[in-house]
């Protein structure tokens, strides 16, 4: 796999930052995004800035140890989470951490989104577990993703929010939107008193479509 250029990475972060803010998947200065641009370099959002109001000059470049390479602002306090994902899976190229309301409700309740109720979610995401709570910005938050990052494509963070990752920023962003969609649909199904899920053979057929969708 190749890496995006610095210009491509920064443009992708700004575009997705605006989209998730406009959709209400983050509030105030919540959330953070990153794109890996080399074996030991990534661009990440700064701390204390609305994702809907970022400019290119605000972004910062760090190495995989978190050392500042370019930029004048302080990296997001959740950069450790991003770094750990990149360290654990060298194929990851982008990470999005946000607080989508419905998905975060499941995170706060400690309930995984692991019931196959939507075909898109089965193909794009698969089951989404809940990582145990850790204090924001701590190394424990970063460490909490380790058991999950190679087997899953998204994760709920208990009492906190959600994180998705992918081979591109576009893929990581789509996974976040898909995660929120399945959370909303699951809530509606609960309201209807419906606990219906797809039969296992249908789930297997959908999972078999992943290679043709460019999903590893």
C-alpha atoms as a PDB file:
ATOM      1  CA  UNK A   1       0.000   0.000   0.000  1.00  0.00           C
ATOM      2  CA  UNK A   2       1.133   3.526  -0.742  1.00  0.00           C
ATOM      3  CA  UNK A   3       0.747   6.600   1.431  1.00  0.00           C
ATOM      4  CA  UNK A   4      -1.155   9.780   0.565  1.00  0.00           C
ATOM      5  CA  UNK A   5       0.836  12.960   0.085  1.00  0.00           C
ATOM      6  CA  UNK A   6       0.900  15.653   2.758  1.00  0.00           C
ATOM      7  CA  UNK A   7      -1.433  17.784   0.650  1.00  0.00           C
ATOM      8  CA  UNK A   8      -3.884  14.925   0.116  1.00  0.00           C
ATOM      9  CA  UNK A   9      -3.877  14.034   3.814  1.00  0.00           C
ATOM     10  CA  UNK A  10      -4.523  17.584   4.976  1.00  0.00           C
ATOM     11  CA  UNK A  11      -7.286  18.126   2.421  1.00  0.00           C
ATOM     12  CA  UNK A  12      -8.980  14.873   3.493  1.00  0.00           C
ATOM     13  CA  UNK A  13      -8.838  15.793   7.192  1.00  0.00           C
ATOM     14  CA  UNK A  14     -10.358  19.228   6.580  1.00  0.00           C
ATOM     15  CA  UNK A  15     -13.120  17.854   4.346  1.00  0.00           C
ATOM     16  CA  UNK A  16     -14.147  15.061   6.712  1.00  0.00           C
ATOM     17  CA  UNK A  17     -13.848  17.374   9.721  1.00  0.00           C
ATOM     18  CA  UNK A  18     -16.420  19.688   8.146  1.00  0.00           C
ATOM     19  CA  UNK A  19     -18.706  16.799   7.220  1.00  0.00           C
ATOM     20  CA  UNK A  20     -18.806  15.188  10.656  1.00  0.00           C
ATOM     21  CA  UNK A  21     -19.376  18.580  12.304  1.00  0.00           C
ATOM     22  CA  UNK A  22     -22.190  19.470   9.917  1.00  0.00           C
ATOM     23  CA  UNK A  23     -23.838  16.090  10.498  1.00  0.00           C
ATOM     24  CA  UNK A  24     -23.689  16.482  14.268  1.00  0.00           C
ATOM     25  CA  UNK A  25     -21.303  13.569  14.766  1.00  0.00           C
ATOM     26  CA  UNK A  26     -19.163  15.871  16.918  1.00  0.00           C
ATOM     27  CA  UNK A  27     -20.004  18.945  18.994  1.00  0.00           C
ATOM     28  CA  UNK A  28     -17.934  21.939  20.111  1.00  0.00           C
ATOM     29  CA  UNK A  29     -14.281  20.906  19.754  1.00  0.00           C
ATOM     30  CA  UNK A  30     -14.944  17.163  20.154  1.00  0.00           C
ATOM     31  CA  UNK A  31     -13.283  14.491  18.052  1.00  0.00           C
ATOM     32  CA  UNK A  32     -10.035  14.118  16.180  1.00  0.00           C
ATOM     33  CA  UNK A  33      -8.843  12.817  12.816  1.00  0.00           C
ATOM     34  CA  UNK A  34      -5.544  11.653  11.385  1.00  0.00           C
ATOM     35  CA  UNK A  35      -4.010  10.377   8.157  1.00  0.00           C
ATOM     36  CA  UNK A  36      -0.754   8.460   7.930  1.00  0.00           C
ATOM     37  CA  UNK A  37       1.612   9.773   5.241  1.00  0.00           C
ATOM     38  CA  UNK A  38       4.685   7.598   5.754  1.00  0.00           C
ATOM     39  CA  UNK A  39       6.212   4.797   7.796  1.00  0.00           C
ATOM     40  CA  UNK A  40       6.779   7.220  10.676  1.00  0.00           C
ATOM     41  CA  UNK A  41       4.593  10.261  10.015  1.00  0.00           C
ATOM     42  CA  UNK A  42       0.952  11.321  10.199  1.00  0.00           C
ATOM     43  CA  UNK A  43      -1.117  14.486  10.093  1.00  0.00           C
ATOM     44  CA  UNK A  44      -3.517  14.973  13.003  1.00  0.00           C
ATOM     45  CA  UNK A  45      -6.017  17.567  14.152  1.00  0.00           C
ATOM     46  CA  UNK A  46      -4.981  20.030  16.882  1.00  0.00           C
ATOM     47  CA  UNK A  47      -6.483  20.277  20.333  1.00  0.00           C
ATOM     48  CA  UNK A  48      -9.231  22.767  21.176  1.00  0.00           C
ATOM     49  CA  UNK A  49     -10.528  23.425  17.650  1.00  0.00           C
ATOM     50  CA  UNK A  50     -13.965  22.748  16.156  1.00  0.00           C
ATOM     51  CA  UNK A  51     -13.742  20.174  13.392  1.00  0.00           C
ATOM     52  CA  UNK A  52     -16.012  22.394  11.335  1.00  0.00           C
ATOM     53  CA  UNK A  53     -13.704  25.411  11.529  1.00  0.00           C
ATOM     54  CA  UNK A  54     -10.235  23.989  10.941  1.00  0.00           C
ATOM     55  CA  UNK A  55      -7.761  25.417   8.461  1.00  0.00           C
ATOM     56  CA  UNK A  56      -4.729  23.765   6.930  1.00  0.00           C
ATOM     57  CA  UNK A  57      -2.390  25.883   9.073  1.00  0.00           C
ATOM     58  CA  UNK A  58      -3.908  24.402  12.245  1.00  0.00           C
ATOM     59  CA  UNK A  59      -3.004  20.802  11.428  1.00  0.00           C
ATOM     60  CA  UNK A  60       0.099  19.213  12.931  1.00  0.00           C
ATOM     61  CA  UNK A  61       2.427  16.478  11.744  1.00  0.00           C
ATOM     62  CA  UNK A  62       3.864  13.994  14.238  1.00  0.00           C
ATOM     63  CA  UNK A  63       5.867  10.797  14.158  1.00  0.00           C
ATOM     64  CA  UNK A  64       4.630   7.480  15.545  1.00  0.00           C
ATOM     65  CA  UNK A  65       6.119   8.332  18.923  1.00  0.00           C
ATOM     66  CA  UNK A  66       4.054  11.530  19.052  1.00  0.00           C
ATOM     67  CA  UNK A  67       6.967  13.926  18.455  1.00  0.00           C
ATOM     68  CA  UNK A  68       6.056  17.111  16.595  1.00  0.00           C
ATOM     69  CA  UNK A  69       7.433  17.264  13.054  1.00  0.00           C
ATOM     70  CA  UNK A  70       5.513  20.211  11.574  1.00  0.00           C
ATOM     71  CA  UNK A  71       2.981  22.760  12.773  1.00  0.00           C
ATOM     72  CA  UNK A  72       2.687  25.266  15.592  1.00  0.00           C
ATOM     73  CA  UNK A  73      -0.272  23.932  17.558  1.00  0.00           C
ATOM     74  CA  UNK A  74      -0.537  21.194  20.134  1.00  0.00           C
ATOM     75  CA  UNK A  75      -1.792  17.842  18.788  1.00  0.00           C
ATOM     76  CA  UNK A  76      -5.123  16.530  20.033  1.00  0.00           C
ATOM     77  CA  UNK A  77      -5.000  14.924  23.463  1.00  0.00           C
ATOM     78  CA  UNK A  78      -6.346  11.733  21.860  1.00  0.00           C
ATOM     79  CA  UNK A  79      -3.406  11.430  19.453  1.00  0.00           C
ATOM     80  CA  UNK A  80      -2.147   8.493  21.545  1.00  0.00           C
ATOM     81  CA  UNK A  81      -5.230   6.551  20.451  1.00  0.00           C
ATOM     82  CA  UNK A  82      -4.407   7.163  16.784  1.00  0.00           C
ATOM     83  CA  UNK A  83      -0.749   6.317  17.249  1.00  0.00           C
ATOM     84  CA  UNK A  84      -1.544   3.007  18.894  1.00  0.00           C
ATOM     85  CA  UNK A  85      -3.822   1.983  16.044  1.00  0.00           C
ATOM     86  CA  UNK A  86      -1.114   2.768  13.481  1.00  0.00           C
ATOM     87  CA  UNK A  87       1.487   0.952  15.552  1.00  0.00           C
ATOM     88  CA  UNK A  88      -0.669  -2.157  15.917  1.00  0.00           C
ATOM     89  CA  UNK A  89      -1.769  -2.378  12.270  1.00  0.00           C
ATOM     90  CA  UNK A  90       0.681  -0.943   9.705  1.00  0.00           C
ATOM     91  CA  UNK A  91      -1.982  -1.157   6.974  1.00  0.00           C
ATOM     92  CA  UNK A  92      -4.213   1.458   8.642  1.00  0.00           C
ATOM     93  CA  UNK A  93      -3.985   4.788   6.838  1.00  0.00           C
ATOM     94  CA  UNK A  94      -6.648   6.914   8.554  1.00  0.00           C
ATOM     95  CA  UNK A  95      -8.465   7.166  11.892  1.00  0.00           C
ATOM     96  CA  UNK A  96     -11.600   9.087  12.911  1.00  0.00           C
ATOM     97  CA  UNK A  97     -12.659   9.530  16.528  1.00  0.00           C
ATOM     98  CA  UNK A  98     -16.041  11.194  17.105  1.00  0.00           C
ATOM     99  CA  UNK A  99     -19.083  11.250  19.370  1.00  0.00           C
ATOM    100  CA  UNK A 100     -22.007  10.280  17.105  1.00  0.00           C
ATOM    101  CA  UNK A 101     -25.092  10.532  19.352  1.00  0.00           C
ATOM    102  CA  UNK A 102     -26.797   7.174  18.785  1.00  0.00           C
ATOM    103  CA  UNK A 103     -23.570   5.176  18.705  1.00  0.00           C
ATOM    104  CA  UNK A 104     -22.332   7.028  21.798  1.00  0.00           C
ATOM    105  CA  UNK A 105     -25.565   6.084  23.595  1.00  0.00           C
ATOM    106  CA  UNK A 106     -24.644   2.444  23.042  1.00  0.00           C
ATOM    107  CA  UNK A 107     -21.119   3.189  24.245  1.00  0.00           C
ATOM    108  CA  UNK A 108     -22.478   4.845  27.395  1.00  0.00           C
ATOM    109  CA  UNK A 109     -24.746   1.848  27.998  1.00  0.00           C
ATOM    110  CA  UNK A 110     -21.886  -0.573  27.404  1.00  0.00           C
ATOM    111  CA  UNK A 111     -23.870  -2.329  24.666  1.00  0.00           C
ATOM    112  CA  UNK A 112     -21.976  -3.518  21.563  1.00  0.00           C
ATOM    113  CA  UNK A 113     -23.444  -3.061  18.106  1.00  0.00           C
ATOM    114  CA  UNK A 114     -22.994  -6.676  17.108  1.00  0.00           C
ATOM    115  CA  UNK A 115     -26.441  -7.688  15.843  1.00  0.00           C
ATOM    116  CA  UNK A 116     -26.677  -8.057  12.042  1.00  0.00           C
ATOM    117  CA  UNK A 117     -29.626  -5.845  11.152  1.00  0.00           C
ATOM    118  CA  UNK A 118     -28.404  -3.938   8.051  1.00  0.00           C
ATOM    119  CA  UNK A 119     -26.712  -5.353   4.989  1.00  0.00           C
ATOM    120  CA  UNK A 120     -24.410  -2.335   4.590  1.00  0.00           C
ATOM    121  CA  UNK A 121     -23.251  -2.616   8.192  1.00  0.00           C
ATOM    122  CA  UNK A 122     -22.488  -6.323   7.823  1.00  0.00           C
ATOM    123  CA  UNK A 123     -20.320  -5.687   4.767  1.00  0.00           C
ATOM    124  CA  UNK A 124     -18.723  -2.379   5.787  1.00  0.00           C
ATOM    125  CA  UNK A 125     -18.345  -2.884   9.532  1.00  0.00           C
ATOM    126  CA  UNK A 126     -19.178  -6.264  10.957  1.00  0.00           C
ATOM    127  CA  UNK A 127     -19.698  -6.390  14.725  1.00  0.00           C
ATOM    128  CA  UNK A 128     -18.600  -3.385  16.794  1.00  0.00           C
ATOM    129  CA  UNK A 129     -17.507  -4.162  20.383  1.00  0.00           C
ATOM    130  CA  UNK A 130     -17.154  -1.837  23.380  1.00  0.00           C
ATOM    131  CA  UNK A 131     -13.687  -1.077  24.772  1.00  0.00           C
ATOM    132  CA  UNK A 132     -13.587  -0.540  28.563  1.00  0.00           C
ATOM    133  CA  UNK A 133     -13.497   3.031  29.875  1.00  0.00           C
ATOM    134  CA  UNK A 134     -10.217   4.860  30.356  1.00  0.00           C
ATOM    135  CA  UNK A 135      -9.510   8.495  31.235  1.00  0.00           C
ATOM    136  CA  UNK A 136      -9.465  10.849  28.209  1.00  0.00           C
ATOM    137  CA  UNK A 137      -6.034  11.487  26.756  1.00  0.00           C
ATOM    138  CA  UNK A 138      -4.455   8.715  28.797  1.00  0.00           C
ATOM    139  CA  UNK A 139      -2.257   5.901  27.575  1.00  0.00           C
ATOM    140  CA  UNK A 140      -4.956   3.567  28.871  1.00  0.00           C
ATOM    141  CA  UNK A 141      -7.313   4.840  26.149  1.00  0.00           C
ATOM    142  CA  UNK A 142      -4.705   3.999  23.533  1.00  0.00           C
ATOM    143  CA  UNK A 143      -4.060   0.587  25.053  1.00  0.00           C
ATOM    144  CA  UNK A 144      -7.785  -0.199  25.162  1.00  0.00           C
ATOM    145  CA  UNK A 145      -7.926  -0.567  21.365  1.00  0.00           C
ATOM    146  CA  UNK A 146      -5.168  -3.172  21.123  1.00  0.00           C
ATOM    147  CA  UNK A 147      -7.339  -6.300  21.513  1.00  0.00           C
ATOM    148  CA  UNK A 148      -9.692  -5.075  18.780  1.00  0.00           C
ATOM    149  CA  UNK A 149      -7.883  -3.193  16.017  1.00  0.00           C
ATOM    150  CA  UNK A 150      -6.838  -6.149  13.850  1.00  0.00           C
ATOM    151  CA  UNK A 151     -10.113  -8.071  14.110  1.00  0.00           C
ATOM    152  CA  UNK A 152     -12.610  -5.194  13.856  1.00  0.00           C
ATOM    153  CA  UNK A 153     -13.130  -2.028  11.801  1.00  0.00           C
ATOM    154  CA  UNK A 154     -14.779   0.187  14.426  1.00  0.00           C
ATOM    155  CA  UNK A 155     -14.985   0.402  18.171  1.00  0.00           C
ATOM    156  CA  UNK A 156     -17.231   1.968  20.792  1.00  0.00           C
ATOM    157  CA  UNK A 157     -15.380   3.605  23.689  1.00  0.00           C
ATOM    158  CA  UNK A 158     -17.298   3.127  26.933  1.00  0.00           C
ATOM    159  CA  UNK A 159     -18.855   6.397  28.266  1.00  0.00           C
ATOM    160  CA  UNK A 160     -16.971   8.257  25.526  1.00  0.00           C
ATOM    161  CA  UNK A 161     -17.703   7.842  21.831  1.00  0.00           C
ATOM    162  CA  UNK A 162     -16.535   5.850  18.834  1.00  0.00           C
ATOM    163  CA  UNK A 163     -13.463   5.349  16.688  1.00  0.00           C
ATOM    164  CA  UNK A 164     -13.225   4.000  13.144  1.00  0.00           C
ATOM    165  CA  UNK A 165     -10.247   3.334  10.916  1.00  0.00           C
ATOM    166  CA  UNK A 166      -9.534   2.288   7.360  1.00  0.00           C
ATOM    167  CA  UNK A 167      -7.253   2.154   4.359  1.00  0.00           C
ATOM    168  CA  UNK A 168      -8.217   5.741   3.472  1.00  0.00           C
ATOM    169  CA  UNK A 169      -9.833   8.690   5.213  1.00  0.00           C
ATOM    170  CA  UNK A 170     -12.858   8.189   2.980  1.00  0.00           C
ATOM    171  CA  UNK A 171     -13.232   4.604   4.203  1.00  0.00           C
ATOM    172  CA  UNK A 172     -12.784   5.552   7.865  1.00  0.00           C
ATOM    173  CA  UNK A 173     -15.370   8.322   7.442  1.00  0.00           C
ATOM    174  CA  UNK A 174     -17.870   6.019   5.714  1.00  0.00           C
ATOM    175  CA  UNK A 175     -17.467   3.537   8.548  1.00  0.00           C
ATOM    176  CA  UNK A 176     -18.278   6.236  11.088  1.00  0.00           C
ATOM    177  CA  UNK A 177     -21.445   7.199   9.209  1.00  0.00           C
ATOM    178  CA  UNK A 178     -22.380   3.532   8.829  1.00  0.00           C
ATOM    179  CA  UNK A 179     -21.825   3.002  12.552  1.00  0.00           C
ATOM    180  CA  UNK A 180     -24.171   5.848  13.437  1.00  0.00           C
ATOM    181  CA  UNK A 181     -26.753   4.591  10.948  1.00  0.00           C
ATOM    182  CA  UNK A 182     -26.810   1.078  12.404  1.00  0.00           C
ATOM    183  CA  UNK A 183     -27.016   2.544  15.919  1.00  0.00           C
ATOM    184  CA  UNK A 184     -30.041   4.642  14.949  1.00  0.00           C
ATOM    185  CA  UNK A 185     -31.749   1.724  13.202  1.00  0.00           C
ATOM    186  CA  UNK A 186     -31.089  -0.531  16.187  1.00  0.00           C
ATOM    187  CA  UNK A 187     -32.696   2.035  18.486  1.00  0.00           C
ATOM    188  CA  UNK A 188     -35.740   2.228  16.204  1.00  0.00           C
ATOM    189  CA  UNK A 189     -36.002  -1.565  16.185  1.00  0.00           C
ATOM    190  CA  UNK A 190     -35.930  -1.571  19.984  1.00  0.00           C
ATOM    191  CA  UNK A 191     -38.720   1.038  19.977  1.00  0.00           C
ATOM    192  CA  UNK A 192     -40.752  -1.235  17.719  1.00  0.00           C
ATOM    193  CA  UNK A 193     -40.125  -4.143  20.061  1.00  0.00           C
ATOM    194  CA  UNK A 194     -38.406  -5.973  17.198  1.00  0.00           C
ATOM    195  CA  UNK A 195     -35.359  -8.150  17.884  1.00  0.00           C
ATOM    196  CA  UNK A 196     -35.124  -9.708  14.428  1.00  0.00           C
ATOM    197  CA  UNK A 197     -31.661 -10.258  12.939  1.00  0.00           C
ATOM    198  CA  UNK A 198     -30.327 -11.709   9.689  1.00  0.00           C
ATOM    199  CA  UNK A 199     -29.937 -15.486   9.513  1.00  0.00           C
ATOM    200  CA  UNK A 200     -26.316 -16.705   9.725  1.00  0.00           C
ATOM    201  CA  UNK A 201     -26.201 -17.908   6.121  1.00  0.00           C
ATOM    202  CA  UNK A 202     -27.163 -14.439   4.860  1.00  0.00           C
ATOM    203  CA  UNK A 203     -24.474 -12.857   7.046  1.00  0.00           C
ATOM    204  CA  UNK A 204     -21.885 -15.219   5.550  1.00  0.00           C
ATOM    205  CA  UNK A 205     -23.012 -14.359   2.008  1.00  0.00           C
ATOM    206  CA  UNK A 206     -22.706 -10.639   2.749  1.00  0.00           C
ATOM    207  CA  UNK A 207     -19.285 -11.042   4.362  1.00  0.00           C
ATOM    208  CA  UNK A 208     -18.119 -12.814   1.206  1.00  0.00           C
ATOM    209  CA  UNK A 209     -18.767  -9.577  -0.717  1.00  0.00           C
ATOM    210  CA  UNK A 210     -16.085  -7.654   1.192  1.00  0.00           C
ATOM    211  CA  UNK A 211     -13.186  -8.239  -1.250  1.00  0.00           C
ATOM    212  CA  UNK A 212     -15.270  -6.949  -4.180  1.00  0.00           C
ATOM    213  CA  UNK A 213     -16.082  -3.850  -2.095  1.00  0.00           C
ATOM    214  CA  UNK A 214     -12.385  -3.235  -1.416  1.00  0.00           C
ATOM    215  CA  UNK A 215     -12.679  -4.207   2.244  1.00  0.00           C
ATOM    216  CA  UNK A 216      -9.949  -6.298   3.799  1.00  0.00           C
END
